[in-house]
Amino acid sequence: MTSAEIVGMLLAWTPFLAGGFAWNILISLVAMAIGTVLGAVLARLRLSGRKSLARTSLVVTELTRNIPTFVFLFYLAFLIPAEFEISGQIHVFPAWLKAALALSVAVVGFVSDNLFVAWQHWRNHNHAAALLFVPSWTMYLLIIVMASSTASVIGVGEIVSRCNIIIAAVGGDETMFWVYAYAIGYFFIFCFPLNWAMGHVKKRLLARVGTASPQKSGK
């Protein structure tokens, strides 16, 4: 294929790939939402004055931190039925939601650990250190976005799955290289600006933490 043909082919399939990447974003946001809520509950329980609650929440955190999400994805794919009946009506349980649930497990452990520390800092009036949770959470979102491509293995029509459809339709090893390279570009364009911005925010917060520490020690 000539350069013009490659560019033309990629442009022709751009809306199709963009639609697939939208699924990646949706899966990631839902996974982060579920994981953040559950992780926040665990973090709060770990700060509880009751030792039994604190220990139980810590054990649950350890479990969520060490469950391989790719394996758990297959587990949910087979455990949760594709369809279920409620009041005589058939409802579909979407594959993308299974992927989001699988990815949310890792988020639970991450949020539980990091929000636990953030709340401790906040209680100690070290607000800048507590706010470091925000860039850390955003950077973890980017990790989940990249991991969301694993959803293709259970039939979700995200960007990697759609790349395979294009390669099968157009054919040729050269097509494979350019299509996958183009897909990488989607992840880069989405992730790089956020990663840069959050890195800048983190540096400013760390500078505030460093400034606040000598003042506290001086008191």
N, C-alpha and C. Protein backbone atom coordinates (compact mmCIF):
# COMPACT_ATOMS: atom_id res chain seq x y z
N MET A 1 0.84 -1.20 0.00
CA MET A 1 0.00 0.00 0.00
C MET A 1 0.87 1.26 0.00
N THR A 2 0.46 2.25 -0.78
CA THR A 2 1.18 3.52 -0.79
C THR A 2 0.80 4.33 0.45
N SER A 3 1.57 5.38 0.68
CA SER A 3 1.28 6.24 1.83
C SER A 3 -0.11 6.85 1.74
N ALA A 4 -0.48 7.26 0.53
CA ALA A 4 -1.81 7.85 0.34
C ALA A 4 -2.91 6.84 0.62
N GLU A 5 -2.70 5.60 0.21
CA GLU A 5 -3.69 4.55 0.44
C GLU A 5 -3.82 4.24 1.94
N ILE A 6 -2.69 4.24 2.62
CA ILE A 6 -2.72 3.97 4.07
C ILE A 6 -3.48 5.07 4.81
N VAL A 7 -3.16 6.33 4.47
CA VAL A 7 -3.85 7.46 5.10
C VAL A 7 -5.34 7.42 4.80
N GLY A 8 -5.68 7.14 3.54
CA GLY A 8 -7.08 7.06 3.15
C GLY A 8 -7.82 5.96 3.88
N MET A 9 -7.16 4.82 4.03
CA MET A 9 -7.76 3.69 4.73
C MET A 9 -8.01 4.03 6.20
N LEU A 10 -7.01 4.65 6.84
CA LEU A 10 -7.15 5.00 8.26
C LEU A 10 -8.24 6.05 8.47
N LEU A 11 -8.30 7.03 7.57
CA LEU A 11 -9.33 8.06 7.69
C LEU A 11 -10.72 7.48 7.49
N ALA A 12 -10.83 6.53 6.57
CA ALA A 12 -12.13 5.92 6.30
C ALA A 12 -12.65 5.16 7.52
N TRP A 13 -11.74 4.55 8.26
CA TRP A 13 -12.13 3.75 9.42
C TRP A 13 -12.08 4.53 10.74
N THR A 14 -11.72 5.80 10.68
CA THR A 14 -11.59 6.60 11.90
C THR A 14 -12.87 6.65 12.74
N PRO A 15 -14.04 6.93 12.16
CA PRO A 15 -15.26 6.94 12.99
C PRO A 15 -15.52 5.60 13.67
N PHE A 16 -15.22 4.52 12.97
CA PHE A 16 -15.42 3.18 13.52
C PHE A 16 -14.50 2.95 14.72
N LEU A 17 -13.24 3.35 14.59
CA LEU A 17 -12.28 3.19 15.69
C LEU A 17 -12.60 4.15 16.84
N ALA A 18 -13.02 5.36 16.51
CA ALA A 18 -13.37 6.32 17.56
C ALA A 18 -14.54 5.81 18.39
N GLY A 19 -15.50 5.16 17.72
CA GLY A 19 -16.61 4.56 18.45
C GLY A 19 -16.14 3.47 19.39
N GLY A 20 -15.15 2.70 18.95
CA GLY A 20 -14.59 1.66 19.80
C GLY A 20 -13.86 2.24 21.00
N PHE A 21 -13.12 3.34 20.77
CA PHE A 21 -12.39 3.96 21.88
C PHE A 21 -13.34 4.57 22.90
N ALA A 22 -14.51 5.00 22.43
CA ALA A 22 -15.52 5.51 23.36
C ALA A 22 -15.94 4.43 24.35
N TRP A 23 -15.99 3.17 23.88
CA TRP A 23 -16.29 2.05 24.78
C TRP A 23 -15.18 1.88 25.82
N ASN A 24 -13.93 2.06 25.39
CA ASN A 24 -12.81 1.98 26.34
C ASN A 24 -12.96 3.02 27.45
N ILE A 25 -13.33 4.22 27.06
CA ILE A 25 -13.49 5.30 28.04
C ILE A 25 -14.66 5.00 28.98
N LEU A 26 -15.77 4.54 28.40
CA LEU A 26 -16.95 4.23 29.22
C LEU A 26 -16.64 3.13 30.23
N ILE A 27 -16.02 2.06 29.76
CA ILE A 27 -15.65 0.95 30.65
C ILE A 27 -14.76 1.44 31.78
N SER A 28 -13.79 2.28 31.44
CA SER A 28 -12.84 2.78 32.44
C SER A 28 -13.52 3.67 33.47
N LEU A 29 -14.39 4.56 33.01
CA LEU A 29 -15.07 5.47 33.94
C LEU A 29 -16.01 4.72 34.87
N VAL A 30 -16.72 3.73 34.33
CA VAL A 30 -17.62 2.94 35.17
C VAL A 30 -16.81 2.13 36.18
N ALA A 31 -15.69 1.55 35.73
CA ALA A 31 -14.83 0.79 36.63
C ALA A 31 -14.30 1.68 37.75
N MET A 32 -13.87 2.89 37.40
CA MET A 32 -13.36 3.81 38.42
C MET A 32 -14.46 4.25 39.38
N ALA A 33 -15.67 4.46 38.85
CA ALA A 33 -16.78 4.89 39.71
C ALA A 33 -17.13 3.80 40.73
N ILE A 34 -17.27 2.57 40.24
CA ILE A 34 -17.60 1.45 41.14
C ILE A 34 -16.48 1.24 42.15
N GLY A 35 -15.25 1.19 41.65
CA GLY A 35 -14.11 0.94 42.52
C GLY A 35 -13.88 2.04 43.53
N THR A 36 -14.14 3.29 43.13
CA THR A 36 -13.93 4.41 44.05
C THR A 36 -14.93 4.38 45.20
N VAL A 37 -16.19 4.09 44.88
CA VAL A 37 -17.22 4.03 45.93
C VAL A 37 -16.91 2.91 46.93
N LEU A 38 -16.64 1.72 46.40
CA LEU A 38 -16.37 0.58 47.28
C LEU A 38 -15.05 0.76 48.04
N GLY A 39 -14.04 1.31 47.34
CA GLY A 39 -12.76 1.56 48.00
C GLY A 39 -12.87 2.59 49.10
N ALA A 40 -13.71 3.61 48.88
CA ALA A 40 -13.92 4.63 49.90
C ALA A 40 -14.57 4.04 51.15
N VAL A 41 -15.50 3.12 50.93
CA VAL A 41 -16.14 2.44 52.06
C VAL A 41 -15.11 1.67 52.87
N LEU A 42 -14.24 0.93 52.17
CA LEU A 42 -13.20 0.16 52.86
C LEU A 42 -12.23 1.08 53.60
N ALA A 43 -11.85 2.18 52.95
CA ALA A 43 -10.93 3.13 53.59
C ALA A 43 -11.53 3.71 54.86
N ARG A 44 -12.83 4.01 54.79
CA ARG A 44 -13.51 4.55 55.98
C ARG A 44 -13.57 3.52 57.10
N LEU A 45 -13.82 2.27 56.74
CA LEU A 45 -13.87 1.21 57.75
C LEU A 45 -12.50 0.97 58.37
N ARG A 46 -11.44 1.15 57.59
CA ARG A 46 -10.09 0.97 58.12
C ARG A 46 -9.74 2.03 59.16
N LEU A 47 -10.43 3.17 59.09
CA LEU A 47 -10.23 4.23 60.07
C LEU A 47 -11.16 4.09 61.27
N SER A 48 -11.97 3.03 61.23
CA SER A 48 -12.93 2.82 62.30
C SER A 48 -12.23 2.50 63.62
N GLY A 49 -12.86 2.92 64.70
CA GLY A 49 -12.31 2.62 66.02
C GLY A 49 -12.49 1.17 66.41
N ARG A 50 -13.36 0.47 65.70
CA ARG A 50 -13.59 -0.95 65.99
C ARG A 50 -12.55 -1.80 65.26
N LYS A 51 -11.74 -2.51 66.00
CA LYS A 51 -10.64 -3.28 65.41
C LYS A 51 -11.14 -4.36 64.46
N SER A 52 -12.28 -4.97 64.75
CA SER A 52 -12.80 -6.03 63.89
C SER A 52 -13.13 -5.50 62.50
N LEU A 53 -13.75 -4.31 62.44
CA LEU A 53 -14.07 -3.70 61.16
C LEU A 53 -12.81 -3.29 60.41
N ALA A 54 -11.86 -2.71 61.13
CA ALA A 54 -10.61 -2.27 60.51
C ALA A 54 -9.84 -3.45 59.93
N ARG A 55 -9.79 -4.56 60.67
CA ARG A 55 -9.05 -5.73 60.20
C ARG A 55 -9.74 -6.37 59.00
N THR A 56 -11.07 -6.47 59.07
CA THR A 56 -11.83 -7.08 57.97
C THR A 56 -11.67 -6.27 56.69
N SER A 57 -11.78 -4.96 56.79
CA SER A 57 -11.64 -4.11 55.61
C SER A 57 -10.22 -4.17 55.05
N LEU A 58 -9.23 -4.34 55.91
CA LEU A 58 -7.85 -4.48 55.45
C LEU A 58 -7.66 -5.78 54.69
N VAL A 59 -8.27 -6.86 55.19
CA VAL A 59 -8.19 -8.16 54.50
C VAL A 59 -8.85 -8.09 53.13
N VAL A 60 -10.03 -7.45 53.07
CA VAL A 60 -10.73 -7.29 51.79
C VAL A 60 -9.89 -6.47 50.82
N THR A 61 -9.25 -5.43 51.34
CA THR A 61 -8.36 -4.61 50.51
C THR A 61 -7.22 -5.44 49.94
N GLU A 62 -6.62 -6.27 50.78
CA GLU A 62 -5.52 -7.14 50.33
C GLU A 62 -6.00 -8.07 49.21
N LEU A 63 -7.20 -8.60 49.36
CA LEU A 63 -7.74 -9.50 48.34
C LEU A 63 -7.94 -8.78 47.01
N THR A 64 -8.57 -7.62 47.06
CA THR A 64 -8.83 -6.88 45.81
C THR A 64 -7.54 -6.42 45.15
N ARG A 65 -6.53 -6.15 45.97
CA ARG A 65 -5.25 -5.70 45.43
C ARG A 65 -4.52 -6.81 44.69
N ASN A 66 -4.80 -8.05 45.05
CA ASN A 66 -4.03 -9.18 44.50
C ASN A 66 -4.81 -10.08 43.55
N ILE A 67 -6.06 -9.75 43.25
CA ILE A 67 -6.82 -10.53 42.28
C ILE A 67 -6.42 -10.11 40.87
N PRO A 68 -5.97 -11.05 40.01
CA PRO A 68 -5.62 -10.69 38.63
C PRO A 68 -6.88 -10.34 37.84
N THR A 69 -6.96 -9.12 37.35
CA THR A 69 -8.18 -8.65 36.69
C THR A 69 -8.48 -9.41 35.40
N PHE A 70 -7.43 -9.83 34.69
CA PHE A 70 -7.66 -10.54 33.42
C PHE A 70 -8.33 -11.89 33.69
N VAL A 71 -7.87 -12.58 34.72
CA VAL A 71 -8.49 -13.86 35.10
C VAL A 71 -9.90 -13.62 35.61
N PHE A 72 -10.07 -12.57 36.41
CA PHE A 72 -11.39 -12.26 36.97
C PHE A 72 -12.38 -11.88 35.87
N LEU A 73 -11.86 -11.30 34.79
CA LEU A 73 -12.70 -10.95 33.64
C LEU A 73 -13.34 -12.20 33.04
N PHE A 74 -12.54 -13.25 32.85
CA PHE A 74 -13.08 -14.51 32.34
C PHE A 74 -14.05 -15.12 33.34
N TYR A 75 -13.73 -15.00 34.61
CA TYR A 75 -14.59 -15.56 35.65
C TYR A 75 -15.98 -14.92 35.60
N LEU A 76 -16.03 -13.60 35.49
CA LEU A 76 -17.31 -12.91 35.42
C LEU A 76 -18.04 -13.22 34.11
N ALA A 77 -17.26 -13.37 33.03
CA ALA A 77 -17.88 -13.66 31.73
C ALA A 77 -18.67 -14.96 31.77
N PHE A 78 -18.17 -15.94 32.51
CA PHE A 78 -18.86 -17.23 32.60
C PHE A 78 -19.82 -17.29 33.78
N LEU A 79 -19.51 -16.56 34.86
CA LEU A 79 -20.36 -16.60 36.05
C LEU A 79 -21.67 -15.85 35.84
N ILE A 80 -21.59 -14.65 35.26
CA ILE A 80 -22.78 -13.83 35.06
C ILE A 80 -23.43 -14.21 33.74
N PRO A 81 -24.69 -14.59 33.74
CA PRO A 81 -25.35 -14.98 32.49
C PRO A 81 -25.50 -13.79 31.54
N ALA A 82 -25.50 -14.08 30.26
CA ALA A 82 -25.66 -13.01 29.27
C ALA A 82 -27.07 -12.43 29.32
N GLU A 83 -28.04 -13.26 29.73
CA GLU A 83 -29.42 -12.81 29.85
C GLU A 83 -30.01 -13.31 31.16
N PHE A 84 -30.93 -12.55 31.72
CA PHE A 84 -31.63 -12.99 32.93
C PHE A 84 -33.07 -12.47 32.87
N GLU A 85 -33.94 -13.15 33.58
CA GLU A 85 -35.36 -12.84 33.53
C GLU A 85 -35.83 -12.20 34.83
N ILE A 86 -36.55 -11.09 34.71
CA ILE A 86 -37.15 -10.41 35.85
C ILE A 86 -38.59 -10.07 35.51
N SER A 87 -39.52 -10.60 36.31
CA SER A 87 -40.96 -10.35 36.10
C SER A 87 -41.41 -10.72 34.69
N GLY A 88 -40.86 -11.82 34.20
CA GLY A 88 -41.27 -12.31 32.90
C GLY A 88 -40.61 -11.62 31.72
N GLN A 89 -39.74 -10.65 31.98
CA GLN A 89 -39.05 -9.94 30.91
C GLN A 89 -37.57 -10.33 30.87
N ILE A 90 -37.06 -10.50 29.66
CA ILE A 90 -35.66 -10.88 29.46
C ILE A 90 -34.80 -9.62 29.41
N HIS A 91 -33.79 -9.59 30.23
CA HIS A 91 -32.85 -8.47 30.25
C HIS A 91 -31.45 -8.98 29.90
N VAL A 92 -30.72 -8.18 29.16
CA VAL A 92 -29.36 -8.54 28.75
C VAL A 92 -28.36 -7.91 29.71
N PHE A 93 -27.40 -8.71 30.17
CA PHE A 93 -26.29 -8.18 30.98
C PHE A 93 -25.13 -7.93 30.03
N PRO A 94 -24.84 -6.67 29.71
CA PRO A 94 -23.85 -6.36 28.68
C PRO A 94 -22.43 -6.79 29.03
N ALA A 95 -21.70 -7.22 28.02
CA ALA A 95 -20.32 -7.67 28.23
C ALA A 95 -19.43 -6.52 28.71
N TRP A 96 -19.72 -5.31 28.25
CA TRP A 96 -18.88 -4.18 28.66
C TRP A 96 -18.98 -3.93 30.16
N LEU A 97 -20.16 -4.20 30.74
CA LEU A 97 -20.33 -4.01 32.18
C LEU A 97 -19.56 -5.08 32.96
N LYS A 98 -19.49 -6.29 32.40
CA LYS A 98 -18.68 -7.34 33.02
C LYS A 98 -17.21 -6.91 33.05
N ALA A 99 -16.76 -6.31 31.94
CA ALA A 99 -15.38 -5.83 31.88
C ALA A 99 -15.13 -4.73 32.91
N ALA A 100 -16.10 -3.82 33.04
CA ALA A 100 -15.96 -2.74 34.02
C ALA A 100 -15.92 -3.28 35.44
N LEU A 101 -16.74 -4.27 35.73
CA LEU A 101 -16.75 -4.88 37.07
C LEU A 101 -15.41 -5.55 37.37
N ALA A 102 -14.86 -6.24 36.36
CA ALA A 102 -13.57 -6.92 36.55
C ALA A 102 -12.46 -5.92 36.83
N LEU A 103 -12.44 -4.82 36.07
CA LEU A 103 -11.40 -3.81 36.26
C LEU A 103 -11.59 -3.04 37.57
N SER A 104 -12.83 -2.94 38.03
CA SER A 104 -13.10 -2.18 39.25
C SER A 104 -12.49 -2.83 40.49
N VAL A 105 -12.22 -4.13 40.42
CA VAL A 105 -11.65 -4.82 41.58
C VAL A 105 -10.30 -4.22 41.96
N ALA A 106 -9.46 -3.99 40.96
CA ALA A 106 -8.15 -3.38 41.23
C ALA A 106 -8.30 -1.96 41.76
N VAL A 107 -9.31 -1.25 41.26
CA VAL A 107 -9.55 0.12 41.70
C VAL A 107 -9.94 0.16 43.17
N VAL A 108 -10.71 -0.84 43.61
CA VAL A 108 -11.12 -0.92 45.02
C VAL A 108 -9.90 -0.93 45.93
N GLY A 109 -8.94 -1.79 45.62
CA GLY A 109 -7.73 -1.88 46.44
C GLY A 109 -6.91 -0.60 46.40
N PHE A 110 -6.80 -0.02 45.21
CA PHE A 110 -6.03 1.23 45.06
C PHE A 110 -6.65 2.36 45.87
N VAL A 111 -7.96 2.54 45.73
CA VAL A 111 -8.64 3.63 46.43
C VAL A 111 -8.62 3.41 47.94
N SER A 112 -8.83 2.18 48.36
CA SER A 112 -8.81 1.88 49.79
C SER A 112 -7.48 2.28 50.42
N ASP A 113 -6.38 1.91 49.77
CA ASP A 113 -5.05 2.24 50.30
C ASP A 113 -4.77 3.74 50.27
N ASN A 114 -5.01 4.36 49.11
CA ASN A 114 -4.62 5.76 48.94
C ASN A 114 -5.56 6.73 49.64
N LEU A 115 -6.85 6.42 49.66
CA LEU A 115 -7.79 7.30 50.35
C LEU A 115 -7.64 7.17 51.87
N PHE A 116 -7.27 5.99 52.32
CA PHE A 116 -6.98 5.78 53.74
C PHE A 116 -5.87 6.73 54.20
N VAL A 117 -4.80 6.79 53.42
CA VAL A 117 -3.68 7.68 53.73
C VAL A 117 -4.11 9.14 53.61
N ALA A 118 -4.89 9.45 52.56
CA ALA A 118 -5.33 10.84 52.34
C ALA A 118 -6.18 11.33 53.50
N TRP A 119 -7.09 10.50 53.98
CA TRP A 119 -7.93 10.90 55.11
C TRP A 119 -7.12 11.08 56.40
N GLN A 120 -6.09 10.27 56.56
CA GLN A 120 -5.21 10.45 57.72
C GLN A 120 -4.52 11.81 57.66
N HIS A 121 -4.03 12.17 56.47
CA HIS A 121 -3.39 13.48 56.30
C HIS A 121 -4.40 14.61 56.56
N TRP A 122 -5.62 14.43 56.08
CA TRP A 122 -6.63 15.47 56.24
C TRP A 122 -6.97 15.68 57.72
N ARG A 123 -7.06 14.57 58.45
CA ARG A 123 -7.34 14.67 59.89
C ARG A 123 -6.22 15.38 60.63
N ASN A 124 -5.00 15.24 60.10
CA ASN A 124 -3.85 15.91 60.71
C ASN A 124 -3.64 17.32 60.16
N HIS A 125 -4.64 17.81 59.40
CA HIS A 125 -4.63 19.15 58.82
C HIS A 125 -3.50 19.34 57.79
N ASN A 126 -3.04 18.23 57.23
CA ASN A 126 -2.06 18.30 56.15
C ASN A 126 -2.82 18.17 54.83
N HIS A 127 -3.53 19.23 54.48
CA HIS A 127 -4.47 19.18 53.36
C HIS A 127 -3.78 18.99 52.01
N ALA A 128 -2.63 19.58 51.82
CA ALA A 128 -1.92 19.43 50.55
C ALA A 128 -1.53 17.97 50.31
N ALA A 129 -1.06 17.31 51.35
CA ALA A 129 -0.70 15.89 51.23
C ALA A 129 -1.95 15.05 50.95
N ALA A 130 -3.07 15.41 51.57
CA ALA A 130 -4.32 14.68 51.34
C ALA A 130 -4.78 14.82 49.89
N LEU A 131 -4.60 16.01 49.33
CA LEU A 131 -5.05 16.26 47.96
C LEU A 131 -4.19 15.56 46.91
N LEU A 132 -3.07 14.98 47.32
CA LEU A 132 -2.27 14.18 46.39
C LEU A 132 -3.06 12.98 45.88
N PHE A 133 -4.13 12.64 46.58
CA PHE A 133 -5.00 11.55 46.13
C PHE A 133 -5.58 11.84 44.75
N VAL A 134 -5.86 13.12 44.45
CA VAL A 134 -6.51 13.48 43.19
C VAL A 134 -5.65 13.15 41.97
N PRO A 135 -4.38 13.62 41.89
CA PRO A 135 -3.56 13.22 40.74
C PRO A 135 -3.27 11.72 40.71
N SER A 136 -3.14 11.11 41.87
CA SER A 136 -2.90 9.66 41.90
C SER A 136 -4.10 8.91 41.33
N TRP A 137 -5.30 9.34 41.69
CA TRP A 137 -6.53 8.73 41.18
C TRP A 137 -6.63 8.89 39.68
N THR A 138 -6.30 10.08 39.18
CA THR A 138 -6.38 10.35 37.74
C THR A 138 -5.37 9.51 36.97
N MET A 139 -4.17 9.39 37.51
CA MET A 139 -3.15 8.57 36.84
C MET A 139 -3.56 7.09 36.84
N TYR A 140 -4.23 6.67 37.89
CA TYR A 140 -4.70 5.28 37.92
C TYR A 140 -5.81 5.07 36.90
N LEU A 141 -6.62 6.11 36.68
CA LEU A 141 -7.63 6.04 35.62
C LEU A 141 -6.98 5.75 34.27
N LEU A 142 -5.85 6.39 34.01
CA LEU A 142 -5.15 6.17 32.74
C LEU A 142 -4.67 4.73 32.62
N ILE A 143 -4.25 4.14 33.73
CA ILE A 143 -3.85 2.72 33.72
C ILE A 143 -5.05 1.85 33.39
N ILE A 144 -6.21 2.17 33.96
CA ILE A 144 -7.42 1.41 33.69
C ILE A 144 -7.86 1.58 32.23
N VAL A 145 -7.69 2.77 31.68
CA VAL A 145 -8.02 3.00 30.27
C VAL A 145 -7.20 2.08 29.38
N MET A 146 -5.92 1.98 29.66
CA MET A 146 -5.06 1.09 28.86
C MET A 146 -5.42 -0.37 29.08
N ALA A 147 -5.78 -0.72 30.31
CA ALA A 147 -6.16 -2.10 30.61
C ALA A 147 -7.53 -2.47 30.04
N SER A 148 -8.34 -1.46 29.70
CA SER A 148 -9.68 -1.73 29.19
C SER A 148 -9.68 -2.46 27.86
N SER A 149 -8.54 -2.46 27.17
CA SER A 149 -8.46 -3.18 25.89
C SER A 149 -8.61 -4.69 26.08
N THR A 150 -8.43 -5.18 27.32
CA THR A 150 -8.62 -6.62 27.57
C THR A 150 -10.08 -7.02 27.40
N ALA A 151 -10.98 -6.04 27.37
CA ALA A 151 -12.41 -6.34 27.20
C ALA A 151 -12.70 -6.99 25.86
N SER A 152 -11.78 -6.85 24.92
CA SER A 152 -12.00 -7.44 23.59
C SER A 152 -12.09 -8.95 23.64
N VAL A 153 -11.48 -9.58 24.65
CA VAL A 153 -11.46 -11.04 24.72
C VAL A 153 -12.82 -11.63 25.07
N ILE A 154 -13.73 -10.80 25.60
CA ILE A 154 -15.07 -11.32 25.90
C ILE A 154 -16.12 -10.71 24.97
N GLY A 155 -15.64 -10.16 23.85
CA GLY A 155 -16.57 -9.73 22.81
C GLY A 155 -17.03 -8.29 22.85
N VAL A 156 -16.39 -7.46 23.66
CA VAL A 156 -16.76 -6.04 23.69
C VAL A 156 -16.17 -5.36 22.46
N GLY A 157 -16.97 -4.54 21.80
CA GLY A 157 -16.51 -3.90 20.57
C GLY A 157 -15.69 -2.65 20.81
N GLU A 158 -14.66 -2.76 21.66
CA GLU A 158 -13.81 -1.60 21.92
C GLU A 158 -12.76 -1.48 20.82
N ILE A 159 -11.78 -0.61 21.01
CA ILE A 159 -10.92 -0.25 19.89
C ILE A 159 -10.05 -1.39 19.38
N VAL A 160 -9.52 -2.24 20.27
CA VAL A 160 -8.68 -3.36 19.83
C VAL A 160 -9.51 -4.36 19.04
N SER A 161 -10.71 -4.64 19.52
CA SER A 161 -11.61 -5.54 18.81
C SER A 161 -11.93 -5.00 17.42
N ARG A 162 -12.14 -3.71 17.32
CA ARG A 162 -12.45 -3.11 16.03
C ARG A 162 -11.23 -3.06 15.11
N CYS A 163 -10.04 -2.96 15.70
CA CYS A 163 -8.82 -3.07 14.89
C CYS A 163 -8.77 -4.42 14.19
N ASN A 164 -9.10 -5.47 14.92
CA ASN A 164 -9.09 -6.81 14.34
C ASN A 164 -10.12 -6.95 13.22
N ILE A 165 -11.25 -6.29 13.37
CA ILE A 165 -12.28 -6.32 12.32
C ILE A 165 -11.76 -5.64 11.06
N ILE A 166 -11.09 -4.50 11.23
CA ILE A 166 -10.55 -3.76 10.09
C ILE A 166 -9.48 -4.59 9.38
N ILE A 167 -8.59 -5.20 10.16
CA ILE A 167 -7.51 -6.01 9.58
C ILE A 167 -8.08 -7.18 8.79
N ALA A 168 -9.13 -7.81 9.33
CA ALA A 168 -9.77 -8.92 8.63
C ALA A 168 -10.46 -8.45 7.36
N ALA A 169 -11.01 -7.24 7.39
CA ALA A 169 -11.74 -6.72 6.22
C ALA A 169 -10.80 -6.25 5.12
N VAL A 170 -9.71 -5.57 5.51
CA VAL A 170 -8.78 -5.01 4.53
C VAL A 170 -7.73 -6.03 4.11
N GLY A 171 -7.20 -6.77 5.12
CA GLY A 171 -6.19 -7.79 4.85
C GLY A 171 -4.79 -7.21 4.72
N GLY A 172 -3.79 -8.09 4.86
CA GLY A 172 -2.40 -7.68 4.69
C GLY A 172 -1.69 -7.39 5.99
N ASP A 173 -0.42 -7.84 6.07
CA ASP A 173 0.38 -7.61 7.27
C ASP A 173 0.65 -6.13 7.49
N GLU A 174 0.82 -5.40 6.39
CA GLU A 174 1.09 -3.97 6.49
C GLU A 174 -0.10 -3.24 7.12
N THR A 175 -1.29 -3.69 6.79
CA THR A 175 -2.50 -3.10 7.37
C THR A 175 -2.49 -3.26 8.88
N MET A 176 -2.09 -4.44 9.35
CA MET A 176 -2.05 -4.71 10.78
C MET A 176 -1.16 -3.70 11.51
N PHE A 177 0.01 -3.44 10.95
CA PHE A 177 0.95 -2.51 11.59
C PHE A 177 0.34 -1.12 11.73
N TRP A 178 -0.20 -0.60 10.64
CA TRP A 178 -0.70 0.77 10.65
C TRP A 178 -1.98 0.93 11.47
N VAL A 179 -2.83 -0.07 11.42
CA VAL A 179 -4.08 0.01 12.19
C VAL A 179 -3.79 0.00 13.69
N TYR A 180 -2.91 -0.90 14.12
CA TYR A 180 -2.57 -0.95 15.54
C TYR A 180 -1.81 0.31 15.98
N ALA A 181 -0.93 0.81 15.11
CA ALA A 181 -0.20 2.05 15.43
C ALA A 181 -1.18 3.21 15.57
N TYR A 182 -2.19 3.23 14.71
CA TYR A 182 -3.20 4.28 14.77
C TYR A 182 -4.01 4.18 16.07
N ALA A 183 -4.31 2.94 16.47
CA ALA A 183 -5.05 2.73 17.72
C ALA A 183 -4.23 3.19 18.92
N ILE A 184 -2.92 2.94 18.88
CA ILE A 184 -2.04 3.41 19.96
C ILE A 184 -2.12 4.92 20.07
N GLY A 185 -2.25 5.58 18.92
CA GLY A 185 -2.36 7.03 18.91
C GLY A 185 -3.54 7.54 19.71
N TYR A 186 -4.65 6.82 19.67
CA TYR A 186 -5.83 7.21 20.45
C TYR A 186 -5.51 7.22 21.95
N PHE A 187 -4.86 6.15 22.40
CA PHE A 187 -4.50 6.06 23.81
C PHE A 187 -3.51 7.16 24.19
N PHE A 188 -2.55 7.42 23.30
CA PHE A 188 -1.53 8.44 23.59
C PHE A 188 -2.15 9.82 23.68
N ILE A 189 -3.02 10.16 22.73
CA ILE A 189 -3.64 11.48 22.71
C ILE A 189 -4.52 11.70 23.93
N PHE A 190 -5.17 10.64 24.39
CA PHE A 190 -6.02 10.76 25.57
C PHE A 190 -5.19 10.79 26.86
N CYS A 191 -4.20 9.93 26.95
CA CYS A 191 -3.47 9.74 28.22
C CYS A 191 -2.37 10.77 28.46
N PHE A 192 -1.63 11.14 27.42
CA PHE A 192 -0.46 12.00 27.62
C PHE A 192 -0.81 13.36 28.24
N PRO A 193 -1.80 14.09 27.71
CA PRO A 193 -2.10 15.40 28.32
C PRO A 193 -2.54 15.29 29.78
N LEU A 194 -3.36 14.29 30.08
CA LEU A 194 -3.81 14.10 31.47
C LEU A 194 -2.64 13.73 32.38
N ASN A 195 -1.78 12.85 31.88
CA ASN A 195 -0.62 12.44 32.66
C ASN A 195 0.30 13.63 32.94
N TRP A 196 0.52 14.45 31.91
CA TRP A 196 1.37 15.64 32.08
C TRP A 196 0.75 16.61 33.07
N ALA A 197 -0.56 16.86 32.91
CA ALA A 197 -1.25 17.81 33.79
C ALA A 197 -1.23 17.34 35.24
N MET A 198 -1.51 16.06 35.45
CA MET A 198 -1.53 15.54 36.82
C MET A 198 -0.13 15.50 37.43
N GLY A 199 0.88 15.27 36.58
CA GLY A 199 2.26 15.33 37.07
C GLY A 199 2.60 16.73 37.56
N HIS A 200 2.12 17.73 36.82
CA HIS A 200 2.35 19.13 37.21
C HIS A 200 1.62 19.45 38.51
N VAL A 201 0.37 18.99 38.63
CA VAL A 201 -0.41 19.21 39.86
C VAL A 201 0.27 18.54 41.04
N LYS A 202 0.76 17.33 40.82
CA LYS A 202 1.42 16.59 41.90
C LYS A 202 2.67 17.32 42.38
N LYS A 203 3.45 17.87 41.45
CA LYS A 203 4.66 18.60 41.83
C LYS A 203 4.32 19.82 42.68
N ARG A 204 3.26 20.53 42.31
CA ARG A 204 2.86 21.72 43.06
C ARG A 204 2.38 21.35 44.46
N LEU A 205 1.62 20.25 44.55
CA LEU A 205 1.15 19.80 45.86
C LEU A 205 2.32 19.36 46.74
N LEU A 206 3.29 18.65 46.13
CA LEU A 206 4.46 18.22 46.89
C LEU A 206 5.27 19.41 47.38
N ALA A 207 5.31 20.46 46.56
CA ALA A 207 6.01 21.68 46.97
C ALA A 207 5.31 22.32 48.17
N ARG A 208 3.98 22.30 48.15
CA ARG A 208 3.22 22.85 49.28
C ARG A 208 3.43 22.01 50.54
N VAL A 209 3.51 20.68 50.34
CA VAL A 209 3.77 19.80 51.49
C VAL A 209 5.14 20.10 52.08
N GLY A 210 6.13 20.29 51.20
CA GLY A 210 7.48 20.60 51.67
C GLY A 210 7.57 21.94 52.37
N THR A 211 6.75 22.91 51.92
CA THR A 211 6.73 24.23 52.55
C THR A 211 6.05 24.18 53.91
N ALA A 212 4.99 23.37 53.98
CA ALA A 212 4.23 23.29 55.23
C ALA A 212 4.99 22.55 56.33
N SER A 213 5.82 21.59 55.96
CA SER A 213 6.53 20.77 56.95
C SER A 213 7.47 21.58 57.84
N PRO A 214 8.32 22.47 57.27
CA PRO A 214 9.20 23.27 58.14
C PRO A 214 8.42 24.18 59.08
N GLN A 215 7.25 24.70 58.60
CA GLN A 215 6.45 25.59 59.43
C GLN A 215 5.90 24.85 60.64
N LYS A 216 5.46 23.59 60.41
CA LYS A 216 4.93 22.78 61.52
C LYS A 216 6.02 22.43 62.51
N SER A 217 7.21 22.09 61.97
CA SER A 217 8.31 21.73 62.86
C SER A 217 8.78 22.94 63.67
N GLY A 218 8.62 24.14 63.06
CA GLY A 218 9.02 25.36 63.76
C GLY A 218 8.11 25.69 64.91
N LYS A 219 6.83 25.28 64.77
CA LYS A 219 5.88 25.49 65.85
C LYS A 219 6.21 24.62 67.05
